[in-house]
PDB file of N, CA and C in Angstrom:
ATOM      1  N   MET A   1     107.065  89.479 110.807  1.00  0.00           N
ATOM      2  CA  MET A   1     106.289  90.392 110.670  1.00  0.00           C
ATOM      3  C   MET A   1     107.098  91.661 110.459  1.00  0.00           C
ATOM      4  N   TYR A   2     106.712  92.485 109.613  1.00  0.00           N
ATOM      5  CA  TYR A   2     107.626  93.765 109.289  1.00  0.00           C
ATOM      6  C   TYR A   2     107.147  95.249 109.623  1.00  0.00           C
ATOM      7  N   ASP A   3     107.818  95.801 110.339  1.00  0.00           N
ATOM      8  CA  ASP A   3     107.306  97.218 110.301  1.00  0.00           C
ATOM      9  C   ASP A   3     107.970  98.160 109.092  1.00  0.00           C
ATOM     10  N   ILE A   4     107.173  98.055 107.912  1.00  0.00           N
ATOM     11  CA  ILE A   4     107.785  98.804 106.823  1.00  0.00           C
ATOM     12  C   ILE A   4     107.002 100.014 106.397  1.00  0.00           C
ATOM     13  N   LYS A   5     107.478 100.953 105.924  1.00  0.00           N
ATOM     14  CA  LYS A   5     107.187 102.232 105.582  1.00  0.00           C
ATOM     15  C   LYS A   5     106.741 102.266 104.010  1.00  0.00           C
ATOM     16  N   TRP A   6     105.840 103.209 103.768  1.00  0.00           N
ATOM     17  CA  TRP A   6     105.606 103.667 102.427  1.00  0.00           C
ATOM     18  C   TRP A   6     106.535 104.611 101.946  1.00  0.00           C
ATOM     19  N   SER A   7     106.515 104.777 100.579  1.00  0.00           N
ATOM     20  CA  SER A   7     107.642 105.743  99.938  1.00  0.00           C
ATOM     21  C   SER A   7     107.151 107.310 100.329  1.00  0.00           C
ATOM     22  N   SER A   8     105.939 107.453 100.617  1.00  0.00           N
ATOM     23  CA  SER A   8     105.471 108.708 100.764  1.00  0.00           C
ATOM     24  C   SER A   8     104.136 108.348 101.743  1.00  0.00           C
ATOM     25  N   PRO A   9     103.982 109.116 103.002  1.00  0.00           N
ATOM     26  CA  PRO A   9     102.767 108.791 103.909  1.00  0.00           C
ATOM     27  C   PRO A   9     101.489 109.405 103.380  1.00  0.00           C
ATOM     28  N   ILE A  10     100.511 108.985 103.971  1.00  0.00           N
ATOM     29  CA  ILE A  10      99.295 109.584 103.356  1.00  0.00           C
ATOM     30  C   ILE A  10      98.390 110.196 104.383  1.00  0.00           C
ATOM     31  N   GLU A  11      97.905 111.206 104.268  1.00  0.00           N
ATOM     32  CA  GLU A  11      97.252 112.043 105.361  1.00  0.00           C
ATOM     33  C   GLU A  11      95.619 111.598 105.014  1.00  0.00           C
ATOM     34  N   VAL A  12      95.120 111.060 105.994  1.00  0.00           N
ATOM     35  CA  VAL A  12      93.698 110.875 105.823  1.00  0.00           C
ATOM     36  C   VAL A  12      92.741 111.483 106.749  1.00  0.00           C
ATOM     37  N   GLY A  13      91.664 112.192 106.319  1.00  0.00           N
ATOM     38  CA  GLY A  13      90.690 112.890 107.177  1.00  0.00           C
ATOM     39  C   GLY A  13      89.625 111.972 107.679  1.00  0.00           C
ATOM     40  N   PHE A  14      89.486 111.367 108.954  1.00  0.00           N
ATOM     41  CA  PHE A  14      88.450 110.566 109.265  1.00  0.00           C
ATOM     42  C   PHE A  14      87.531 111.179 110.035  1.00  0.00           C
ATOM     43  N   ALA A  15      87.552 112.586 110.536  1.00  0.00           N
ATOM     44  CA  ALA A  15      86.737 113.540 111.084  1.00  0.00           C
ATOM     45  C   ALA A  15      87.233 114.683 110.639  1.00  0.00           C
ATOM     46  N   PRO A  16      86.014 115.548 110.729  1.00  0.00           N
ATOM     47  CA  PRO A  16      85.814 117.010 110.235  1.00  0.00           C
ATOM     48  C   PRO A  16      87.189 117.664 111.085  1.00  0.00           C
ATOM     49  N   GLY A  17      88.159 118.302 110.534  1.00  0.00           N
ATOM     50  CA  GLY A  17      89.218 119.178 111.184  1.00  0.00           C
ATOM     51  C   GLY A  17      90.277 118.105 111.793  1.00  0.00           C
ATOM     52  N   SER A  18      90.226 116.790 111.511  1.00  0.00           N
ATOM     53  CA  SER A  18      91.101 116.011 112.200  1.00  0.00           C
ATOM     54  C   SER A  18      91.686 115.019 111.060  1.00  0.00           C
ATOM     55  N   ALA A  19      92.816 114.764 111.034  1.00  0.00           N
ATOM     56  CA  ALA A  19      93.685 113.952 109.826  1.00  0.00           C
ATOM     57  C   ALA A  19      94.700 113.070 110.637  1.00  0.00           C
ATOM     58  N   GLN A  20      94.925 111.940 110.045  1.00  0.00           N
ATOM     59  CA  GLN A  20      95.541 110.793 110.735  1.00  0.00           C
ATOM     60  C   GLN A  20      96.737 110.753 109.564  1.00  0.00           C
ATOM     61  N   MET A  21      98.110 110.620 110.029  1.00  0.00           N
ATOM     62  CA  MET A  21      99.126 110.541 109.016  1.00  0.00           C
ATOM     63  C   MET A  21      99.289 108.978 108.990  1.00  0.00           C
ATOM     64  N   VAL A  22      99.219 108.336 107.955  1.00  0.00           N
ATOM     65  CA  VAL A  22      99.495 106.915 107.903  1.00  0.00           C
ATOM     66  C   VAL A  22     100.777 106.641 107.223  1.00  0.00           C
ATOM     67  N   GLN A  23     101.718 105.998 107.516  1.00  0.00           N
ATOM     68  CA  GLN A  23     103.252 105.878 107.043  1.00  0.00           C
ATOM     69  C   GLN A  23     103.359 104.292 106.509  1.00  0.00           C
ATOM     70  N   GLY A  24     102.451 103.224 106.799  1.00  0.00           N
ATOM     71  CA  GLY A  24     102.875 102.062 106.289  1.00  0.00           C
ATOM     72  C   GLY A  24     101.711 101.217 106.457  1.00  0.00           C
ATOM     73  N   PRO A  25     101.889  99.770 105.992  1.00  0.00           N
ATOM     74  CA  PRO A  25     100.938  98.999 106.225  1.00  0.00           C
ATOM     75  C   PRO A  25     100.348  98.646 107.561  1.00  0.00           C
ATOM     76  N   SER A  26     101.123  98.696 108.444  1.00  0.00           N
ATOM     77  CA  SER A  26     100.638  98.536 109.881  1.00  0.00           C
ATOM     78  C   SER A  26      99.603  99.552 110.198  1.00  0.00           C
ATOM     79  N   GLU A  27     100.153 100.843 110.093  1.00  0.00           N
ATOM     80  CA  GLU A  27      99.311 101.931 110.455  1.00  0.00           C
ATOM     81  C   GLU A  27      98.027 101.808 109.678  1.00  0.00           C
ATOM     82  N   ALA A  28      98.064 101.313 108.390  1.00  0.00           N
ATOM     83  CA  ALA A  28      96.863 101.357 107.492  1.00  0.00           C
ATOM     84  C   ALA A  28      95.781 100.139 108.303  1.00  0.00           C
ATOM     85  N   LEU A  29      96.254  99.374 108.803  1.00  0.00           N
ATOM     86  CA  LEU A  29      95.412  98.148 109.192  1.00  0.00           C
ATOM     87  C   LEU A  29      95.001  98.751 110.554  1.00  0.00           C
ATOM     88  N   ASN A  30      95.650  99.535 111.319  1.00  0.00           N
ATOM     89  CA  ASN A  30      94.940  99.801 112.444  1.00  0.00           C
ATOM     90  C   ASN A  30      93.904 100.819 112.054  1.00  0.00           C
ATOM     91  N   CYS A  31      94.019 101.484 111.078  1.00  0.00           N
ATOM     92  CA  CYS A  31      92.862 102.738 110.611  1.00  0.00           C
ATOM     93  C   CYS A  31      91.717 102.102 110.061  1.00  0.00           C
ATOM     94  N   LEU A  32      92.183 100.900 109.237  1.00  0.00           N
ATOM     95  CA  LEU A  32      91.145 100.046 108.699  1.00  0.00           C
ATOM     96  C   LEU A  32      90.261  99.307 109.812  1.00  0.00           C
ATOM     97  N   ALA A  33      90.960  99.006 110.881  1.00  0.00           N
ATOM     98  CA  ALA A  33      90.158  98.343 111.897  1.00  0.00           C
ATOM     99  C   ALA A  33      89.492  99.187 112.900  1.00  0.00           C
ATOM    100  N   ASN A  34      90.108 100.403 113.204  1.00  0.00           N
ATOM    101  CA  ASN A  34      89.542 100.993 114.255  1.00  0.00           C
ATOM    102  C   ASN A  34      88.862 102.426 113.870  1.00  0.00           C
ATOM    103  N   LEU A  35      89.461 103.155 112.701  1.00  0.00           N
ATOM    104  CA  LEU A  35      88.919 104.370 112.454  1.00  0.00           C
ATOM    105  C   LEU A  35      87.911 104.562 111.148  1.00  0.00           C
ATOM    106  N   TRP A  36      87.793 103.219 110.657  1.00  0.00           N
ATOM    107  CA  TRP A  36      87.170 103.460 109.229  1.00  0.00           C
ATOM    108  C   TRP A  36      85.279 103.598 109.383  1.00  0.00           C
ATOM    109  N   PRO A  37      85.197 104.225 108.478  1.00  0.00           N
ATOM    110  CA  PRO A  37      83.593 104.655 108.516  1.00  0.00           C
ATOM    111  C   PRO A  37      82.843 103.191 108.113  1.00  0.00           C
ATOM    112  N   ASP A  38      81.443 103.516 108.417  1.00  0.00           N
ATOM    113  CA  ASP A  38      80.567 102.249 107.821  1.00  0.00           C
ATOM    114  C   ASP A  38      80.764 101.989 106.442  1.00  0.00           C
ATOM    115  N   ARG A  39      81.290 102.642 105.547  1.00  0.00           N
ATOM    116  CA  ARG A  39      81.335 102.574 103.965  1.00  0.00           C
ATOM    117  C   ARG A  39      82.500 101.546 103.895  1.00  0.00           C
ATOM    118  N   ARG A  40      82.137 100.351 103.876  1.00  0.00           N
ATOM    119  CA  ARG A  40      83.207  99.180 103.627  1.00  0.00           C
ATOM    120  C   ARG A  40      82.717  98.274 102.300  1.00  0.00           C
ATOM    121  N   GLY A  41      83.314  98.453 101.418  1.00  0.00           N
ATOM    122  CA  GLY A  41      83.188  97.813 100.047  1.00  0.00           C
ATOM    123  C   GLY A  41      84.386  96.839  99.736  1.00  0.00           C
ATOM    124  N   PRO A  42      84.457  96.376  98.444  1.00  0.00           N
ATOM    125  CA  PRO A  42      85.318  95.541  98.167  1.00  0.00           C
ATOM    126  C   PRO A  42      86.726  96.084  98.038  1.00  0.00           C
ATOM    127  N   LEU A  43      87.049  97.251  98.024  1.00  0.00           N
ATOM    128  CA  LEU A  43      88.094  97.810  98.106  1.00  0.00           C
ATOM    129  C   LEU A  43      88.724  97.866  99.457  1.00  0.00           C
ATOM    130  N   TYR A  44      87.818  98.229 100.546  1.00  0.00           N
ATOM    131  CA  TYR A  44      88.274  97.796 101.844  1.00  0.00           C
ATOM    132  C   TYR A  44      88.748  96.707 102.323  1.00  0.00           C
ATOM    133  N   VAL A  45      88.036  95.589 101.774  1.00  0.00           N
ATOM    134  CA  VAL A  45      88.509  94.304 101.873  1.00  0.00           C
ATOM    135  C   VAL A  45      89.686  93.804 101.413  1.00  0.00           C
ATOM    136  N   ALA A  46      89.861  94.254 100.159  1.00  0.00           N
ATOM    137  CA  ALA A  46      91.226  94.065  99.304  1.00  0.00           C
ATOM    138  C   ALA A  46      92.299  94.762  99.910  1.00  0.00           C
ATOM    139  N   ALA A  47      92.212  96.178 100.597  1.00  0.00           N
ATOM    140  CA  ALA A  47      93.417  96.683 101.054  1.00  0.00           C
ATOM    141  C   ALA A  47      93.490  96.223 102.578  1.00  0.00           C
ATOM    142  N   ARG A  48      92.688  95.581 103.252  1.00  0.00           N
ATOM    143  CA  ARG A  48      93.001  95.046 104.483  1.00  0.00           C
ATOM    144  C   ARG A  48      93.767  93.738 104.255  1.00  0.00           C
ATOM    145  N   SER A  49      93.446  93.050 103.206  1.00  0.00           N
ATOM    146  CA  SER A  49      93.990  91.678 102.809  1.00  0.00           C
ATOM    147  C   SER A  49      95.615  92.105 102.310  1.00  0.00           C
ATOM    148  N   VAL A  50      95.724  93.012 101.444  1.00  0.00           N
ATOM    149  CA  VAL A  50      97.079  93.211 101.047  1.00  0.00           C
ATOM    150  C   VAL A  50      97.884  93.870 102.073  1.00  0.00           C
ATOM    151  N   CYS A  51      97.328  94.823 102.801  1.00  0.00           N
ATOM    152  CA  CYS A  51      98.150  95.341 104.079  1.00  0.00           C
ATOM    153  C   CYS A  51      98.479  94.150 104.967  1.00  0.00           C
ATOM    154  N   ARG A  52      97.703  93.036 105.135  1.00  0.00           N
ATOM    155  CA  ARG A  52      98.285  92.057 106.078  1.00  0.00           C
ATOM    156  C   ARG A  52      99.318  91.232 105.357  1.00  0.00           C
ATOM    157  N   ALA A  53      99.177  91.262 104.087  1.00  0.00           N
ATOM    158  CA  ALA A  53     100.217  90.338 103.558  1.00  0.00           C
ATOM    159  C   ALA A  53     101.592  91.263 103.260  1.00  0.00           C
ATOM    160  N   ALA A  54     101.308  92.449 103.065  1.00  0.00           N
ATOM    161  CA  ALA A  54     102.785  93.265 103.087  1.00  0.00           C
ATOM    162  C   ALA A  54     103.329  93.341 104.485  1.00  0.00           C
ATOM    163  N   VAL A  55     102.703  93.262 105.545  1.00  0.00           N
ATOM    164  CA  VAL A  55     103.240  93.262 106.942  1.00  0.00           C
ATOM    165  C   VAL A  55     104.128  91.782 107.099  1.00  0.00           C
ATOM    166  N   ALA A  56     103.317  90.685 106.616  1.00  0.00           N
ATOM    167  CA  ALA A  56     103.952  89.326 106.711  1.00  0.00           C
ATOM    168  C   ALA A  56     105.037  89.312 105.438  1.00  0.00           C
ATOM    169  N   GLY A  57     105.284  90.122 104.616  1.00  0.00           N
ATOM    170  CA  GLY A  57     106.254  90.076 103.770  1.00  0.00           C
ATOM    171  C   GLY A  57     106.015  89.387 102.392  1.00  0.00           C
ATOM    172  N   ARG A  58     104.740  89.200 102.376  1.00  0.00           N
ATOM    173  CA  ARG A  58     104.225  88.258 100.925  1.00  0.00           C
ATOM    174  C   ARG A  58     103.665  89.327  99.908  1.00  0.00           C
ATOM    175  N   ARG A  59     103.611  90.677 100.236  1.00  0.00           N
ATOM    176  CA  ARG A  59     103.307  91.534  99.037  1.00  0.00           C
ATOM    177  C   ARG A  59     103.987  92.846  99.556  1.00  0.00           C
ATOM    178  N   SER A  60     104.179  93.727  98.581  1.00  0.00           N
ATOM    179  CA  SER A  60     104.858  94.972  98.510  1.00  0.00           C
ATOM    180  C   SER A  60     104.199  95.886  99.327  1.00  0.00           C
ATOM    181  N   ALA A  61     104.871  96.953 100.006  1.00  0.00           N
ATOM    182  CA  ALA A  61     104.413  97.938 100.686  1.00  0.00           C
ATOM    183  C   ALA A  61     103.677  98.961  99.672  1.00  0.00           C
ATOM    184  N   GLU A  62     104.213  98.996  98.735  1.00  0.00           N
ATOM    185  CA  GLU A  62     103.544  99.965  97.615  1.00  0.00           C
ATOM    186  C   GLU A  62     102.155  99.456  97.053  1.00  0.00           C
ATOM    187  N   GLU A  63     102.210  97.998  96.823  1.00  0.00           N
ATOM    188  CA  GLU A  63     100.971  97.544  96.432  1.00  0.00           C
ATOM    189  C   GLU A  63      99.876  97.983  97.641  1.00  0.00           C
ATOM    190  N   ALA A  64     100.195  97.607  98.906  1.00  0.00           N
ATOM    191  CA  ALA A  64      99.571  98.081  99.891  1.00  0.00           C
ATOM    192  C   ALA A  64      98.874  99.535 100.032  1.00  0.00           C
ATOM    193  N   ARG A  65      99.761 100.421  99.697  1.00  0.00           N
ATOM    194  CA  ARG A  65      99.484 101.835  99.543  1.00  0.00           C
ATOM    195  C   ARG A  65      98.494 102.119  98.596  1.00  0.00           C
ATOM    196  N   GLU A  66      98.826 101.408  97.438  1.00  0.00           N
ATOM    197  CA  GLU A  66      97.746 101.716  96.495  1.00  0.00           C
ATOM    198  C   GLU A  66      96.274 101.319  96.758  1.00  0.00           C
ATOM    199  N   LEU A  67      96.215 100.372  97.199  1.00  0.00           N
ATOM    200  CA  LEU A  67      95.052  99.686  97.836  1.00  0.00           C
ATOM    201  C   LEU A  67      94.418 100.488  98.632  1.00  0.00           C
ATOM    202  N   PHE A  68      95.178 100.925  99.760  1.00  0.00           N
ATOM    203  CA  PHE A  68      94.658 101.713 100.796  1.00  0.00           C
ATOM    204  C   PHE A  68      94.198 103.178 100.189  1.00  0.00           C
ATOM    205  N   ILE A  69      94.779 103.687  99.247  1.00  0.00           N
ATOM    206  CA  ILE A  69      94.435 104.870  98.784  1.00  0.00           C
ATOM    207  C   ILE A  69      93.036 104.753  97.975  1.00  0.00           C
ATOM    208  N   SER A  70      92.912 103.803  97.391  1.00  0.00           N
ATOM    209  CA  SER A  70      91.559 103.006  96.674  1.00  0.00           C
ATOM    210  C   SER A  70      90.742 102.900  97.612  1.00  0.00           C
ATOM    211  N   ALA A  71      90.773 102.413  98.684  1.00  0.00           N
ATOM    212  CA  ALA A  71      89.938 102.298  99.585  1.00  0.00           C
ATOM    213  C   ALA A  71      89.445 103.457 100.336  1.00  0.00           C
ATOM    214  N   THR A  72      90.171 104.502 100.527  1.00  0.00           N
ATOM    215  CA  THR A  72      89.858 105.705 101.035  1.00  0.00           C
ATOM    216  C   THR A  72      88.944 106.574 100.083  1.00  0.00           C
ATOM    217  N   ARG A  73      89.124 106.444  98.913  1.00  0.00           N
ATOM    218  CA  ARG A  73      88.387 106.963  97.886  1.00  0.00           C
ATOM    219  C   ARG A  73      87.014 106.301  97.939  1.00  0.00           C
ATOM    220  N   GLU A  74      86.721 105.028  97.975  1.00  0.00           N
ATOM    221  CA  GLU A  74      85.909 104.289  98.130  1.00  0.00           C
ATOM    222  C   GLU A  74      84.749 104.696  99.269  1.00  0.00           C
ATOM    223  N   ALA A  75      85.482 104.861 100.410  1.00  0.00           N
ATOM    224  CA  ALA A  75      84.844 105.461 101.615  1.00  0.00           C
ATOM    225  C   ALA A  75      84.599 106.926 101.519  1.00  0.00           C
ATOM    226  N   HIS A  76      84.929 107.784 100.248  1.00  0.00           N
ATOM    227  CA  HIS A  76      84.826 109.084 100.555  1.00  0.00           C
ATOM    228  C   HIS A  76      85.464 109.843 101.549  1.00  0.00           C
ATOM    229  N   LEU A  77      86.614 109.147 101.893  1.00  0.00           N
ATOM    230  CA  LEU A  77      87.579 109.962 102.780  1.00  0.00           C
ATOM    231  C   LEU A  77      88.586 111.026 102.048  1.00  0.00           C
ATOM    232  N   LYS A  78      88.849 112.098 102.637  1.00  0.00           N
ATOM    233  CA  LYS A  78      89.756 113.174 102.228  1.00  0.00           C
ATOM    234  C   LYS A  78      91.258 112.609 102.414  1.00  0.00           C
ATOM    235  N   THR A  79      92.119 112.752 101.417  1.00  0.00           N
ATOM    236  CA  THR A  79      93.456 112.131 101.443  1.00  0.00           C
ATOM    237  C   THR A  79      94.196 113.409 100.977  1.00  0.00           C
ATOM    238  N   GLN A  80      95.487 113.356 101.393  1.00  0.00           N
ATOM    239  CA  GLN A  80      96.381 114.281 100.887  1.00  0.00           C
ATOM    240  C   GLN A  80      97.900 113.274 100.693  1.00  0.00           C
TER     241      GLN A  80
END
């Protein structure tokens, strides 16, 4: 298991006036499991899978980052 970081962190607004800084696939998995809204579609499932694979060293951190961003868009979450 690797604690890898993304090239650039993602700030995600899960609640009005509150944002979470996500710096890598491990933190993304935590957000997907514990902070995600009820909007869970195919990109959510894909992001969860690729983040797990990145943590295990089977996929790149940047692949996980791109899918996580796509999942935030699918869930209509604000990102920076």
